[in-house]
Protein backbone atom coordinates (compact mmCIF):
# COMPACT_ATOMS: atom_id res chain seq x y z
CA MET A 1 -67.11 155.95 -107.08
CA HIS A 2 -67.62 152.49 -105.56
CA ALA A 3 -65.64 149.27 -105.74
CA ALA A 4 -66.61 147.01 -108.63
CA PRO A 5 -67.18 143.30 -107.99
CA ASP A 6 -64.84 140.74 -109.47
CA PRO A 7 -66.57 139.07 -112.46
CA ASP A 8 -65.34 135.71 -111.20
CA LYS A 9 -66.87 136.30 -107.75
CA PRO A 10 -70.58 137.04 -108.25
CA TRP A 11 -71.20 137.06 -104.50
CA GLN A 12 -69.21 140.29 -104.27
CA GLY A 13 -71.89 142.23 -106.13
CA GLU A 14 -74.54 141.21 -103.60
CA LEU A 15 -72.22 142.06 -100.73
CA PHE A 16 -71.33 145.49 -102.10
CA GLN A 17 -75.00 146.24 -102.71
CA TYR A 18 -75.82 145.29 -99.15
CA ALA A 19 -73.02 147.52 -97.84
CA LEU A 20 -74.48 150.46 -99.76
CA ASP A 21 -78.02 149.65 -98.60
CA ARG A 22 -76.90 149.52 -94.97
CA ARG A 23 -75.25 152.90 -95.30
CA HIS A 24 -78.23 154.65 -96.87
CA ASN A 25 -81.15 152.58 -95.53
CA PRO A 26 -79.92 150.80 -92.38
CA ASP A 27 -83.41 150.01 -91.11
CA THR A 28 -84.60 148.22 -94.24
CA ALA A 29 -81.41 146.81 -95.75
CA LEU A 30 -81.54 143.03 -96.11
CA PRO A 31 -78.42 140.87 -96.35
CA PRO A 32 -78.08 138.59 -99.37
CA ALA A 33 -79.66 135.20 -98.67
CA SER A 34 -76.50 133.52 -99.94
CA ASN A 35 -74.44 134.97 -97.07
CA ARG A 36 -75.38 132.85 -94.08
CA THR A 37 -73.20 134.78 -91.65
CA LEU A 38 -74.87 138.11 -92.41
CA VAL A 39 -78.34 136.56 -92.29
CA ALA A 40 -77.65 134.97 -88.92
CA HIS A 41 -76.14 138.19 -87.62
CA ARG A 42 -79.19 140.21 -88.65
CA GLU A 43 -81.49 137.71 -86.95
CA LEU A 44 -79.52 138.05 -83.72
CA MET A 45 -79.51 141.81 -83.86
CA ALA A 46 -83.26 141.85 -84.41
CA LEU A 47 -83.98 139.96 -81.19
CA PRO A 48 -85.43 142.06 -78.39
CA VAL A 49 -82.96 142.73 -75.58
CA GLU A 50 -84.95 140.76 -73.05
CA ALA A 51 -84.77 137.62 -75.22
CA ARG A 52 -81.06 137.69 -75.96
CA ARG A 53 -79.63 136.08 -72.86
CA ALA A 54 -81.95 133.08 -73.29
CA VAL A 55 -80.51 132.53 -76.76
CA VAL A 56 -76.94 132.66 -75.43
CA THR A 57 -77.67 130.15 -72.68
CA SER A 58 -79.63 127.76 -74.90
CA ASP A 59 -78.17 124.44 -76.08
CA GLY A 60 -77.33 125.86 -79.51
CA GLY A 61 -76.26 129.29 -78.27
CA ALA A 62 -72.56 128.88 -78.99
CA GLU A 63 -73.24 127.63 -82.51
CA TRP A 64 -75.61 130.53 -83.19
CA LEU A 65 -73.04 133.10 -82.05
CA ALA A 66 -70.35 131.48 -84.18
CA ALA A 67 -72.60 131.31 -87.24
CA ALA A 68 -73.36 135.02 -86.86
CA GLY A 69 -69.69 135.95 -86.51
CA MET A 70 -70.36 137.48 -83.09
CA THR A 71 -67.16 138.56 -81.36
CA TRP A 72 -66.83 138.73 -77.60
CA GLU A 73 -66.65 142.55 -77.78
CA ALA A 74 -69.86 142.71 -79.82
CA LEU A 75 -71.55 140.18 -77.53
CA ALA A 76 -70.99 142.36 -74.47
CA GLY A 77 -72.78 145.30 -76.11
CA TRP A 78 -75.49 143.13 -77.67
CA LEU A 79 -76.48 141.55 -74.38
CA GLN A 80 -76.61 144.93 -72.64
CA GLY A 81 -75.77 143.05 -69.49
CA PRO A 82 -72.84 141.41 -67.71
CA MET A 83 -70.44 138.99 -69.40
CA ASP A 84 -71.07 136.20 -66.92
CA LYS A 85 -70.08 132.54 -66.96
CA GLU A 86 -72.76 131.54 -69.46
CA ALA A 87 -71.95 134.38 -71.86
CA TRP A 88 -68.24 133.60 -71.87
CA GLU A 89 -68.76 129.88 -72.28
CA ALA A 90 -71.02 130.52 -75.27
CA VAL A 91 -68.55 132.76 -77.11
CA ILE A 92 -65.26 131.07 -76.14
CA PRO A 93 -65.50 128.39 -78.89
CA SER A 94 -65.48 131.09 -81.60
CA MET A 95 -62.78 133.29 -80.05
CA GLY A 96 -59.31 133.51 -81.56
CA ALA A 97 -56.23 132.39 -79.66
CA MET A 98 -55.03 135.85 -78.73
CA ALA A 99 -58.51 136.95 -77.69
CA LEU A 100 -58.47 133.99 -75.32
CA VAL A 101 -55.08 135.01 -73.91
CA ARG A 102 -56.26 138.57 -73.31
CA ASN A 103 -59.33 137.42 -71.39
CA LEU A 104 -57.95 134.76 -69.05
CA ARG A 105 -58.56 136.94 -66.01
CA ASN A 106 -62.10 137.64 -67.17
CA PHE A 107 -62.75 133.91 -67.48
CA ASP A 108 -61.61 133.40 -63.90
CA GLN A 109 -63.67 136.28 -62.57
CA ALA A 110 -66.77 134.97 -64.33
CA GLY A 111 -66.23 131.45 -62.97
CA VAL A 112 -65.78 129.62 -66.26
CA SER A 113 -65.93 125.85 -65.67
CA ASP A 114 -62.82 123.69 -65.53
CA GLU A 115 -64.02 121.81 -68.61
CA VAL A 116 -64.18 124.98 -70.71
CA ALA A 117 -60.93 126.24 -69.18
CA ALA A 118 -59.24 123.02 -70.29
CA GLN A 119 -60.41 123.69 -73.85
CA VAL A 120 -59.00 127.24 -73.66
CA ALA A 121 -55.69 125.96 -72.26
CA ALA A 122 -55.40 123.42 -75.07
CA ARG A 123 -56.00 126.05 -77.73
CA ILE A 124 -53.66 128.75 -76.44
CA SER A 125 -50.81 126.27 -75.98
CA ASP A 126 -51.23 124.48 -79.31
CA PRO A 127 -48.12 125.05 -81.50
CA ALA A 128 -50.21 125.42 -84.65
CA GLN A 129 -52.45 128.04 -82.98
CA VAL A 130 -49.40 129.96 -81.72
CA ALA A 131 -47.86 129.92 -85.19
CA ARG A 132 -51.13 130.99 -86.81
CA SER A 133 -51.53 133.88 -84.39
CA ARG A 134 -48.06 135.23 -85.36
CA GLN A 135 -47.71 136.59 -81.85
CA PHE A 136 -44.30 137.25 -80.35
CA PRO A 137 -43.15 136.21 -76.85
CA PHE A 138 -44.07 139.50 -75.18
CA ARG A 139 -47.77 138.75 -75.53
CA TYR A 140 -47.62 135.52 -73.60
CA LEU A 141 -45.31 136.65 -70.84
CA ALA A 142 -47.34 139.82 -70.34
CA ALA A 143 -50.42 137.65 -69.76
CA TYR A 144 -48.89 136.01 -66.67
CA PRO A 145 -49.61 138.79 -64.14
CA HIS A 146 -53.12 139.25 -65.55
CA ALA A 147 -54.00 135.56 -65.20
CA PRO A 148 -53.49 134.67 -61.53
CA SER A 149 -55.20 131.26 -61.72
CA LEU A 150 -52.77 128.35 -61.73
CA ARG A 151 -54.73 126.66 -64.47
CA TRP A 152 -53.27 129.11 -66.99
CA ALA A 153 -49.64 128.99 -65.90
CA TYR A 154 -48.54 125.88 -67.76
CA PRO A 155 -50.44 126.61 -71.00
CA LEU A 156 -48.92 130.10 -71.09
CA GLU A 157 -45.46 128.63 -70.49
CA GLN A 158 -46.01 126.23 -73.37
CA ALA A 159 -47.23 129.05 -75.65
CA LEU A 160 -44.24 131.16 -74.67
CA GLY A 161 -41.99 128.25 -75.57
CA HIS A 162 -43.62 127.91 -79.01
CA SER A 163 -43.66 131.64 -79.77
CA PRO A 164 -39.97 132.07 -80.79
CA ALA A 165 -40.95 130.26 -84.00
CA ASN A 166 -42.63 133.56 -84.99
CA VAL A 167 -39.36 135.48 -84.52
CA PRO A 168 -37.19 136.09 -87.61
CA ALA A 169 -34.13 133.83 -87.81
CA LEU A 170 -30.93 135.83 -88.16
CA PRO A 171 -28.22 134.26 -90.34
CA GLY A 172 -24.54 134.18 -89.54
CA ARG A 173 -23.10 134.88 -86.09
CA THR A 174 -24.92 137.22 -83.72
CA LEU A 175 -23.90 138.69 -80.37
CA VAL A 176 -26.88 139.59 -78.18
CA LEU A 177 -26.13 141.73 -75.11
CA VAL A 178 -28.89 142.15 -72.53
CA ASP A 179 -28.62 144.92 -69.90
CA ARG A 180 -29.31 143.56 -66.40
CA SER A 181 -28.12 146.58 -64.44
CA GLY A 182 -30.10 147.92 -61.49
CA SER A 183 -31.75 150.74 -63.44
CA MET A 184 -33.37 148.21 -65.77
CA PHE A 185 -35.42 146.86 -62.88
CA TRP A 186 -36.76 150.22 -61.68
CA SER A 187 -39.41 150.94 -64.28
CA ARG A 188 -41.98 149.12 -66.37
CA LEU A 189 -41.42 148.86 -70.11
CA SER A 190 -44.40 151.15 -70.69
CA ASP A 191 -47.57 152.35 -69.04
CA CYS A 192 -49.44 149.56 -70.79
CA SER A 193 -47.09 146.78 -69.71
CA GLU A 194 -46.50 144.97 -66.41
CA LEU A 195 -43.02 143.90 -67.55
CA ASN A 196 -40.02 145.78 -66.23
CA ARG A 197 -37.31 146.74 -68.69
CA ALA A 198 -34.92 144.04 -67.51
CA ASP A 199 -37.39 141.22 -68.13
CA ALA A 200 -38.54 142.66 -71.45
CA ALA A 201 -34.92 142.88 -72.59
CA ALA A 202 -34.27 139.30 -71.51
CA ILE A 203 -37.31 138.04 -73.42
CA PHE A 204 -36.32 139.93 -76.55
CA GLY A 205 -32.69 138.84 -76.43
CA THR A 206 -33.50 135.22 -75.65
CA ALA A 207 -36.06 134.92 -78.45
CA LEU A 208 -33.60 136.29 -80.99
CA ALA A 209 -30.79 134.06 -79.74
CA LEU A 210 -32.93 130.91 -79.80
CA ARG A 211 -33.92 131.55 -83.41
CA ALA A 212 -30.57 132.77 -84.74
CA ALA A 213 -28.36 130.46 -86.75
CA ASP A 214 -25.44 131.00 -84.35
CA ALA A 215 -25.81 133.35 -81.39
CA ASP A 216 -23.98 134.24 -78.20
CA LEU A 217 -26.38 135.50 -75.50
CA VAL A 218 -24.79 137.68 -72.81
CA GLN A 219 -26.19 139.45 -69.75
CA PHE A 220 -24.21 142.41 -68.49
CA GLY A 221 -24.07 144.93 -65.70
CA THR A 222 -20.98 145.70 -63.64
CA ASP A 223 -19.79 142.30 -64.87
CA SER A 224 -20.94 140.23 -67.82
CA ARG A 225 -21.82 136.56 -68.17
CA GLU A 226 -22.69 134.38 -71.11
CA ILE A 227 -26.08 132.68 -70.90
CA SER A 228 -25.88 129.08 -71.97
CA PHE A 229 -28.74 127.62 -73.99
CA ARG A 230 -29.47 124.84 -76.43
CA ARG A 231 -31.18 125.36 -79.75
CA GLY A 232 -34.85 124.55 -79.31
CA GLU A 233 -34.68 124.87 -75.52
CA SER A 234 -37.69 126.20 -73.64
CA MET A 235 -37.61 129.98 -73.37
CA PRO A 236 -38.81 130.06 -69.73
CA LYS A 237 -35.89 127.83 -68.75
CA VAL A 238 -33.40 130.17 -70.40
CA LEU A 239 -34.99 133.22 -68.78
CA GLU A 240 -34.40 131.69 -65.34
CA ARG A 241 -30.64 132.10 -65.88
CA PHE A 242 -30.72 135.89 -65.94
CA ALA A 243 -29.76 137.87 -62.83
CA ASP A 244 -29.40 141.41 -61.45
CA LEU A 245 -25.83 142.47 -62.23
CA GLY A 246 -25.57 145.90 -60.61
CA GLY A 247 -23.93 148.68 -62.65
CA THR A 248 -23.67 149.18 -66.42
CA ASN A 249 -20.30 148.49 -67.97
CA THR A 250 -21.49 148.18 -71.54
CA THR A 251 -18.16 148.92 -73.18
CA GLU A 252 -16.38 146.18 -71.25
CA ALA A 253 -19.14 143.69 -72.07
CA VAL A 254 -18.76 144.38 -75.79
CA ARG A 255 -14.96 144.16 -75.61
CA ARG A 256 -15.09 140.92 -73.68
CA HIS A 257 -17.61 139.06 -75.80
CA TYR A 258 -17.28 140.41 -79.35
CA ARG A 259 -15.48 137.75 -81.43
CA GLU A 260 -15.86 138.61 -85.10
CA HIS A 261 -19.63 138.36 -85.02
CA ASP A 262 -21.64 139.46 -88.06
CA ARG A 263 -23.76 141.81 -85.96
CA VAL A 264 -24.15 143.04 -82.39
CA LEU A 265 -27.50 143.65 -80.67
CA ILE A 266 -27.63 145.60 -77.39
CA VAL A 267 -30.86 145.85 -75.39
CA THR A 268 -30.42 148.49 -72.70
CA ASP A 269 -31.65 151.74 -71.16
CA GLU A 270 -28.36 153.31 -72.39
CA GLN A 271 -27.22 154.29 -68.94
CA HIS A 272 -23.58 153.26 -69.04
CA ALA A 273 -20.31 153.81 -67.21
CA PRO A 274 -17.72 155.87 -69.12
CA SER A 275 -14.68 153.94 -70.31
CA HIS A 276 -11.25 155.03 -71.45
CA HIS A 277 -11.72 152.55 -74.31
CA GLY A 278 -14.54 154.70 -75.71
CA ASP A 279 -18.22 154.08 -76.30
CA PRO A 280 -19.66 150.55 -76.61
CA THR A 281 -20.29 150.71 -80.34
CA GLY A 282 -16.71 151.81 -80.97
CA GLN A 283 -15.46 148.40 -79.86
CA VAL A 284 -16.94 146.82 -82.96
CA PRO A 285 -15.43 147.24 -86.46
CA ALA A 286 -17.14 149.93 -88.50
CA ASP A 287 -18.32 147.47 -91.14
CA VAL A 288 -20.18 145.35 -88.56
CA PRO A 289 -23.67 146.61 -87.74
CA VAL A 290 -24.54 147.42 -84.13
CA TYR A 291 -28.21 147.67 -83.18
CA THR A 292 -29.22 149.27 -79.89
CA TRP A 293 -32.67 149.22 -78.35
CA ASN A 294 -33.04 152.07 -75.86
CA LEU A 295 -35.84 150.99 -73.52
CA ALA A 296 -35.85 154.19 -71.47
CA GLY A 297 -35.85 156.81 -74.19
CA TYR A 298 -33.12 158.94 -72.66
CA ARG A 299 -31.89 161.66 -74.98
CA ALA A 300 -28.21 160.88 -74.44
CA GLY A 301 -27.16 157.57 -75.97
CA HIS A 302 -24.13 155.39 -75.51
CA GLY A 303 -22.92 155.81 -79.07
CA PRO A 304 -23.62 157.25 -82.52
CA SER A 305 -26.71 156.26 -84.44
CA GLY A 306 -28.32 156.66 -87.82
CA LYS A 307 -25.33 156.11 -90.05
CA ALA A 308 -22.40 153.82 -90.79
CA ASN A 309 -23.91 150.59 -89.45
CA ARG A 310 -24.97 152.13 -86.15
CA HIS A 311 -28.69 152.02 -85.38
CA THR A 312 -30.67 152.91 -82.26
CA PHE A 313 -34.38 152.24 -81.69
CA GLY A 314 -36.54 153.72 -78.97
CA GLY A 315 -38.65 151.33 -76.89
CA LEU A 316 -39.41 147.69 -77.46
CA SER A 317 -42.43 146.10 -79.07
CA ASP A 318 -43.29 143.21 -81.37
CA ALA A 319 -42.15 145.32 -84.32
CA ALA A 320 -38.61 145.33 -82.91
CA PHE A 321 -38.11 141.72 -83.94
CA ARG A 322 -38.40 142.72 -87.58
CA MET A 323 -35.99 145.65 -87.57
CA VAL A 324 -32.72 143.79 -88.11
CA PRO A 325 -33.95 141.72 -91.10
CA LEU A 326 -35.50 144.83 -92.64
CA LEU A 327 -32.34 146.91 -92.37
CA GLU A 328 -30.06 144.12 -93.52
CA SER A 329 -32.26 143.17 -96.45
CA ALA A 330 -32.06 146.79 -97.60
CA ARG A 331 -28.29 146.80 -97.14
CA ASP A 332 -27.82 143.50 -98.97
CA ALA A 333 -30.36 144.13 -101.75
CA ASP A 334 -29.18 143.12 -105.19
CA TRP A 335 -30.56 143.08 -108.71
CA PRO A 336 -32.99 140.18 -109.26
CA TRP A 337 -30.80 138.68 -111.99
CA ALA A 338 -27.66 138.75 -109.78
CA ALA A 339 -28.76 135.91 -107.51
C-alpha cells in the first residue's frame, strides 16, 4: 500500500511516482520536470567527480547548490574531496542558522573570508533567525569553546541573548535555585558537552527566570545569594554574577528563599548536606510543586519524587525547558467548556 496524492495537489502524484521509480529503478528514474529542485539535484549528481569542484567554485556555484537543495553534509560526500574555503563559501548561503553555528570552527580552519564570516555572523545573531531556529540557550553557549576565533564571540553572545525567547514563560511566581557547590564544577554535563554542570545549571536557571512572569533566581552552596536581574536583560550579563559557593546546603537555601512561590525549581547534582530541618523538598508546602533536575544521575536523591507534586528529572537538555509547562498543563487540565 502506498500513499495516495491529495486531489488538490496534483504535484504530489508525480513526486510519489518518482519516489517509487527511484526505489525500484534508481539508474533510470527521472524526476518530474515541474520539480526544479529535484531536476537540479539530479544534474549535479550526474556530473563526473573530476568536474564537480569546478562547478562549486564557479560564479554561479552557490546558486546551483541552493537550487539543488544540496546540504553541507551532502556536499562533502559529493565532492569526494576536502571541504576547503571555496566549498564552504559556496554552501554557506544555503545553510540554516544552526548548521552555521555548528560549523564555526570548520569555517575558521578552512580560512573563510572575513566578508563571508560577516554574513554568517549577521545571520546567527539575527533575532528572527534565532526565533525561527527554536534553539535554546545551551546550543549557543556550547558553541563558544568550539569557535575560538574572536569574530564569532559577539554574534554568539547576541544569539544567546535572543534565545530565551524560545523558552516557555512560566506564569505566577517561581523560585529558581541553582547549585553552585564545588562538585558542580568537577564534571562536564555529558560526554558530548564542553559545559560543566555548574554553568549548564546557571544557563538553564537564568533562561527560565528571564522568561518567567515573576521569578526569584538564587545561587546556593554553603551559603545562598539572590541573583539580581532585570526583565529583558542580556543573559551573558546575568551569568557573570554566578560564583563558586563551596558546599551544598540545599535545605537552608530553600528555607531562606521560599516565600509562597507557586513552584520551586532546583538544578543540582543532588549532593547535599543533611539538615535537622529535613530534606529540601520538605520545606515547601505539599500543594506547591517542586521540580528537581539531577545533573549527575546519582541514585540517592535529596527528596521524594514521582508523586504529590515532587518531580525529579535526570540530566539536562533542551527538552528540560518544556517539562514544567507539560506537567502543569496536565495538572490544570479542564473540560473545554469550563474555560
